[in-house]
């Protein structure tokens, strides 16, 4: 065989190039579709275990709200139950959506503790154990207002999500 004949033999054809490009296109398309599906599941799917754990925690939070008449010991016991339920919901979190629900549960449970601290502060002021200046009262009221709004939104979001 002469060199001219060897140079005329086609090793790589247009058809081979097309097959390789089509194969690469299919693989890239499948990877893109898989990543999109994974992203959607992560961001929008609430797992069954998290839904149950979050519902239990939210029920305990709702039971503890407005419990101004409880003694300090009773409140501590019930608050520990709420905290354990919130911790169980955090442990049950698998997806990003689950983690967001767990974070909202933490914020919602803060609402109870904030209300309890506000009540205790009022009691101490009435008993004369705590003295505040006008600036302290004003800054405390701003902080309480902000905290109340954030925790209220978290609780509302949870109630809508866990219906």
C-alpha atoms as a PDB file:
ATOM      1  CA  UNK A   1       0.000   0.000   0.000  1.00  0.00           C
ATOM      2  CA  UNK A   2       1.270   3.323  -0.955  1.00  0.00           C
ATOM      3  CA  UNK A   3       1.093   6.498   1.083  1.00  0.00           C
ATOM      4  CA  UNK A   4      -1.539   8.005  -1.237  1.00  0.00           C
ATOM      5  CA  UNK A   5      -3.893   5.109  -0.595  1.00  0.00           C
ATOM      6  CA  UNK A   6      -3.355   5.313   3.176  1.00  0.00           C
ATOM      7  CA  UNK A   7      -4.083   9.042   3.196  1.00  0.00           C
ATOM      8  CA  UNK A   8      -7.346   8.536   1.316  1.00  0.00           C
ATOM      9  CA  UNK A   9      -8.729   6.067   3.866  1.00  0.00           C
ATOM     10  CA  UNK A  10     -11.307   7.870   5.943  1.00  0.00           C
ATOM     11  CA  UNK A  11     -10.781   7.187   9.645  1.00  0.00           C
ATOM     12  CA  UNK A  12     -13.253   9.720  11.062  1.00  0.00           C
ATOM     13  CA  UNK A  13     -16.411  10.416   9.111  1.00  0.00           C
ATOM     14  CA  UNK A  14     -19.113  13.015   9.459  1.00  0.00           C
ATOM     15  CA  UNK A  15     -21.449  10.251  10.505  1.00  0.00           C
ATOM     16  CA  UNK A  16     -19.154   9.250  13.378  1.00  0.00           C
ATOM     17  CA  UNK A  17     -18.916  12.894  14.482  1.00  0.00           C
ATOM     18  CA  UNK A  18     -22.713  13.197  14.448  1.00  0.00           C
ATOM     19  CA  UNK A  19     -23.144  10.028  16.519  1.00  0.00           C
ATOM     20  CA  UNK A  20     -20.661  11.264  19.122  1.00  0.00           C
ATOM     21  CA  UNK A  21     -22.271  14.733  19.290  1.00  0.00           C
ATOM     22  CA  UNK A  22     -25.767  13.263  19.558  1.00  0.00           C
ATOM     23  CA  UNK A  23     -24.576  10.958  22.357  1.00  0.00           C
ATOM     24  CA  UNK A  24     -22.977  13.869  24.212  1.00  0.00           C
ATOM     25  CA  UNK A  25     -26.162  15.911  23.718  1.00  0.00           C
ATOM     26  CA  UNK A  26     -28.304  13.123  25.170  1.00  0.00           C
ATOM     27  CA  UNK A  27     -26.008  12.711  28.186  1.00  0.00           C
ATOM     28  CA  UNK A  28     -25.946  16.478  28.863  1.00  0.00           C
ATOM     29  CA  UNK A  29     -29.746  16.660  28.492  1.00  0.00           C
ATOM     30  CA  UNK A  30     -30.272  13.783  30.930  1.00  0.00           C
ATOM     31  CA  UNK A  31     -27.862  15.331  33.454  1.00  0.00           C
ATOM     32  CA  UNK A  32     -29.617  18.695  33.169  1.00  0.00           C
ATOM     33  CA  UNK A  33     -33.031  17.092  33.603  1.00  0.00           C
ATOM     34  CA  UNK A  34     -31.790  15.099  36.599  1.00  0.00           C
ATOM     35  CA  UNK A  35     -30.297  18.179  38.263  1.00  0.00           C
ATOM     36  CA  UNK A  36     -33.511  20.122  37.686  1.00  0.00           C
ATOM     37  CA  UNK A  37     -35.601  17.308  39.171  1.00  0.00           C
ATOM     38  CA  UNK A  38     -33.255  17.070  42.182  1.00  0.00           C
ATOM     39  CA  UNK A  39     -33.442  20.838  42.707  1.00  0.00           C
ATOM     40  CA  UNK A  40     -37.250  20.820  42.589  1.00  0.00           C
ATOM     41  CA  UNK A  41     -37.462  17.947  45.065  1.00  0.00           C
ATOM     42  CA  UNK A  42     -34.995  19.654  47.428  1.00  0.00           C
ATOM     43  CA  UNK A  43     -36.766  23.004  47.361  1.00  0.00           C
ATOM     44  CA  UNK A  44     -40.430  22.042  47.232  1.00  0.00           C
ATOM     45  CA  UNK A  45     -40.915  18.601  48.756  1.00  0.00           C
ATOM     46  CA  UNK A  46     -41.771  18.265  52.426  1.00  0.00           C
ATOM     47  CA  UNK A  47     -41.026  14.730  53.569  1.00  0.00           C
ATOM     48  CA  UNK A  48     -43.617  12.754  55.497  1.00  0.00           C
ATOM     49  CA  UNK A  49     -41.456  12.425  58.612  1.00  0.00           C
ATOM     50  CA  UNK A  50     -40.826  16.157  58.730  1.00  0.00           C
ATOM     51  CA  UNK A  51     -44.500  16.938  58.150  1.00  0.00           C
ATOM     52  CA  UNK A  52     -45.502  14.751  61.108  1.00  0.00           C
ATOM     53  CA  UNK A  53     -42.746  16.032  63.412  1.00  0.00           C
ATOM     54  CA  UNK A  54     -43.449  19.650  62.479  1.00  0.00           C
ATOM     55  CA  UNK A  55     -47.194  19.206  63.011  1.00  0.00           C
ATOM     56  CA  UNK A  56     -46.617  17.783  66.492  1.00  0.00           C
ATOM     57  CA  UNK A  57     -44.231  20.622  67.361  1.00  0.00           C
ATOM     58  CA  UNK A  58     -46.645  23.239  66.031  1.00  0.00           C
ATOM     59  CA  UNK A  59     -49.513  21.759  68.062  1.00  0.00           C
ATOM     60  CA  UNK A  60     -47.388  21.942  71.213  1.00  0.00           C
ATOM     61  CA  UNK A  61     -46.419  25.521  70.410  1.00  0.00           C
ATOM     62  CA  UNK A  62     -50.063  26.454  69.906  1.00  0.00           C
ATOM     63  CA  UNK A  63     -51.013  24.840  73.228  1.00  0.00           C
ATOM     64  CA  UNK A  64     -48.355  26.824  75.058  1.00  0.00           C
ATOM     65  CA  UNK A  65     -49.315  30.194  73.578  1.00  0.00           C
ATOM     66  CA  UNK A  66     -51.344  32.385  75.853  1.00  0.00           C
ATOM     67  CA  UNK A  67     -50.332  30.406  78.907  1.00  0.00           C
ATOM     68  CA  UNK A  68     -49.726  33.403  81.136  1.00  0.00           C
ATOM     69  CA  UNK A  69     -51.497  31.701  84.047  1.00  0.00           C
ATOM     70  CA  UNK A  70     -48.989  28.829  84.209  1.00  0.00           C
ATOM     71  CA  UNK A  71     -46.511  28.715  87.046  1.00  0.00           C
ATOM     72  CA  UNK A  72     -42.839  28.917  86.221  1.00  0.00           C
ATOM     73  CA  UNK A  73     -42.369  25.178  86.752  1.00  0.00           C
ATOM     74  CA  UNK A  74     -45.325  24.238  84.533  1.00  0.00           C
ATOM     75  CA  UNK A  75     -44.131  26.618  81.840  1.00  0.00           C
ATOM     76  CA  UNK A  76     -40.622  25.156  81.999  1.00  0.00           C
ATOM     77  CA  UNK A  77     -41.948  21.594  81.610  1.00  0.00           C
ATOM     78  CA  UNK A  78     -44.179  22.507  78.671  1.00  0.00           C
ATOM     79  CA  UNK A  79     -41.463  24.627  77.075  1.00  0.00           C
ATOM     80  CA  UNK A  80     -39.058  21.674  77.339  1.00  0.00           C
ATOM     81  CA  UNK A  81     -41.672  19.543  75.545  1.00  0.00           C
ATOM     82  CA  UNK A  82     -41.915  22.164  72.804  1.00  0.00           C
ATOM     83  CA  UNK A  83     -38.129  22.319  72.495  1.00  0.00           C
ATOM     84  CA  UNK A  84     -37.850  18.536  72.271  1.00  0.00           C
ATOM     85  CA  UNK A  85     -40.553  18.463  69.572  1.00  0.00           C
ATOM     86  CA  UNK A  86     -38.737  21.198  67.630  1.00  0.00           C
ATOM     87  CA  UNK A  87     -35.471  19.247  67.987  1.00  0.00           C
ATOM     88  CA  UNK A  88     -37.224  16.127  66.670  1.00  0.00           C
ATOM     89  CA  UNK A  89     -38.421  18.124  63.666  1.00  0.00           C
ATOM     90  CA  UNK A  90     -34.862  19.338  63.048  1.00  0.00           C
ATOM     91  CA  UNK A  91     -33.577  15.757  63.163  1.00  0.00           C
ATOM     92  CA  UNK A  92     -36.313  14.614  60.753  1.00  0.00           C
ATOM     93  CA  UNK A  93     -35.313  17.257  58.176  1.00  0.00           C
ATOM     94  CA  UNK A  94     -34.046  15.709  54.939  1.00  0.00           C
ATOM     95  CA  UNK A  95     -34.616  18.299  52.209  1.00  0.00           C
ATOM     96  CA  UNK A  96     -34.063  22.032  52.049  1.00  0.00           C
ATOM     97  CA  UNK A  97     -37.808  22.542  52.460  1.00  0.00           C
ATOM     98  CA  UNK A  98     -37.689  20.437  55.641  1.00  0.00           C
ATOM     99  CA  UNK A  99     -34.860  22.583  56.990  1.00  0.00           C
ATOM    100  CA  UNK A 100     -36.823  25.765  56.276  1.00  0.00           C
ATOM    101  CA  UNK A 101     -39.820  24.357  58.143  1.00  0.00           C
ATOM    102  CA  UNK A 102     -37.549  23.473  61.089  1.00  0.00           C
ATOM    103  CA  UNK A 103     -36.162  27.036  61.102  1.00  0.00           C
ATOM    104  CA  UNK A 104     -39.697  28.435  61.107  1.00  0.00           C
ATOM    105  CA  UNK A 105     -40.529  26.166  64.051  1.00  0.00           C
ATOM    106  CA  UNK A 106     -37.605  27.618  65.968  1.00  0.00           C
ATOM    107  CA  UNK A 107     -38.808  31.144  65.210  1.00  0.00           C
ATOM    108  CA  UNK A 108     -42.362  30.252  66.208  1.00  0.00           C
ATOM    109  CA  UNK A 109     -41.190  28.761  69.509  1.00  0.00           C
ATOM    110  CA  UNK A 110     -39.260  31.976  70.154  1.00  0.00           C
ATOM    111  CA  UNK A 111     -42.616  33.769  70.152  1.00  0.00           C
ATOM    112  CA  UNK A 112     -43.632  31.905  73.308  1.00  0.00           C
ATOM    113  CA  UNK A 113     -40.388  32.618  75.097  1.00  0.00           C
ATOM    114  CA  UNK A 114     -40.510  36.268  74.049  1.00  0.00           C
ATOM    115  CA  UNK A 115     -44.056  36.640  75.389  1.00  0.00           C
ATOM    116  CA  UNK A 116     -43.057  34.948  78.633  1.00  0.00           C
ATOM    117  CA  UNK A 117     -40.045  37.255  79.046  1.00  0.00           C
ATOM    118  CA  UNK A 118     -42.240  40.277  78.361  1.00  0.00           C
ATOM    119  CA  UNK A 119     -44.686  39.133  81.031  1.00  0.00           C
ATOM    120  CA  UNK A 120     -41.894  38.519  83.541  1.00  0.00           C
ATOM    121  CA  UNK A 121     -40.372  41.917  82.806  1.00  0.00           C
ATOM    122  CA  UNK A 122     -43.717  43.601  83.407  1.00  0.00           C
ATOM    123  CA  UNK A 123     -44.070  41.706  86.678  1.00  0.00           C
ATOM    124  CA  UNK A 124     -40.592  42.790  87.805  1.00  0.00           C
ATOM    125  CA  UNK A 125     -41.302  46.409  86.879  1.00  0.00           C
ATOM    126  CA  UNK A 126     -44.551  46.317  88.876  1.00  0.00           C
ATOM    127  CA  UNK A 127     -42.752  44.774  91.846  1.00  0.00           C
ATOM    128  CA  UNK A 128     -39.999  47.385  91.627  1.00  0.00           C
ATOM    129  CA  UNK A 129     -37.249  44.844  90.924  1.00  0.00           C
ATOM    130  CA  UNK A 130     -36.449  46.323  87.518  1.00  0.00           C
ATOM    131  CA  UNK A 131     -36.012  49.960  86.637  1.00  0.00           C
ATOM    132  CA  UNK A 132     -35.783  51.129  83.023  1.00  0.00           C
ATOM    133  CA  UNK A 133     -35.048  54.481  81.508  1.00  0.00           C
ATOM    134  CA  UNK A 134     -37.227  55.927  78.760  1.00  0.00           C
ATOM    135  CA  UNK A 135     -34.599  55.056  76.116  1.00  0.00           C
ATOM    136  CA  UNK A 136     -34.416  51.461  77.336  1.00  0.00           C
ATOM    137  CA  UNK A 137     -38.193  51.102  77.205  1.00  0.00           C
ATOM    138  CA  UNK A 138     -38.330  52.592  73.729  1.00  0.00           C
ATOM    139  CA  UNK A 139     -35.579  50.353  72.356  1.00  0.00           C
ATOM    140  CA  UNK A 140     -37.117  47.303  74.064  1.00  0.00           C
ATOM    141  CA  UNK A 141     -40.502  48.062  72.527  1.00  0.00           C
ATOM    142  CA  UNK A 142     -38.941  48.335  69.050  1.00  0.00           C
ATOM    143  CA  UNK A 143     -37.135  45.036  69.492  1.00  0.00           C
ATOM    144  CA  UNK A 144     -40.289  43.359  70.806  1.00  0.00           C
ATOM    145  CA  UNK A 145     -42.335  44.694  67.904  1.00  0.00           C
ATOM    146  CA  UNK A 146     -39.822  43.406  65.372  1.00  0.00           C
ATOM    147  CA  UNK A 147     -39.539  40.025  67.097  1.00  0.00           C
ATOM    148  CA  UNK A 148     -43.318  39.705  67.326  1.00  0.00           C
ATOM    149  CA  UNK A 149     -43.759  40.416  63.601  1.00  0.00           C
ATOM    150  CA  UNK A 150     -41.065  37.947  62.524  1.00  0.00           C
ATOM    151  CA  UNK A 151     -42.294  35.168  64.790  1.00  0.00           C
ATOM    152  CA  UNK A 152     -45.911  35.814  63.839  1.00  0.00           C
ATOM    153  CA  UNK A 153     -45.047  35.489  60.144  1.00  0.00           C
ATOM    154  CA  UNK A 154     -43.184  32.244  60.822  1.00  0.00           C
ATOM    155  CA  UNK A 155     -46.146  30.792  62.712  1.00  0.00           C
ATOM    156  CA  UNK A 156     -48.580  31.871  60.014  1.00  0.00           C
ATOM    157  CA  UNK A 157     -46.384  30.327  57.326  1.00  0.00           C
ATOM    158  CA  UNK A 158     -46.227  27.066  59.276  1.00  0.00           C
ATOM    159  CA  UNK A 159     -49.991  26.914  59.742  1.00  0.00           C
ATOM    160  CA  UNK A 160     -50.494  27.399  56.004  1.00  0.00           C
ATOM    161  CA  UNK A 161     -47.817  24.877  55.057  1.00  0.00           C
ATOM    162  CA  UNK A 162     -48.894  22.124  57.435  1.00  0.00           C
ATOM    163  CA  UNK A 163     -52.674  22.210  56.879  1.00  0.00           C
END
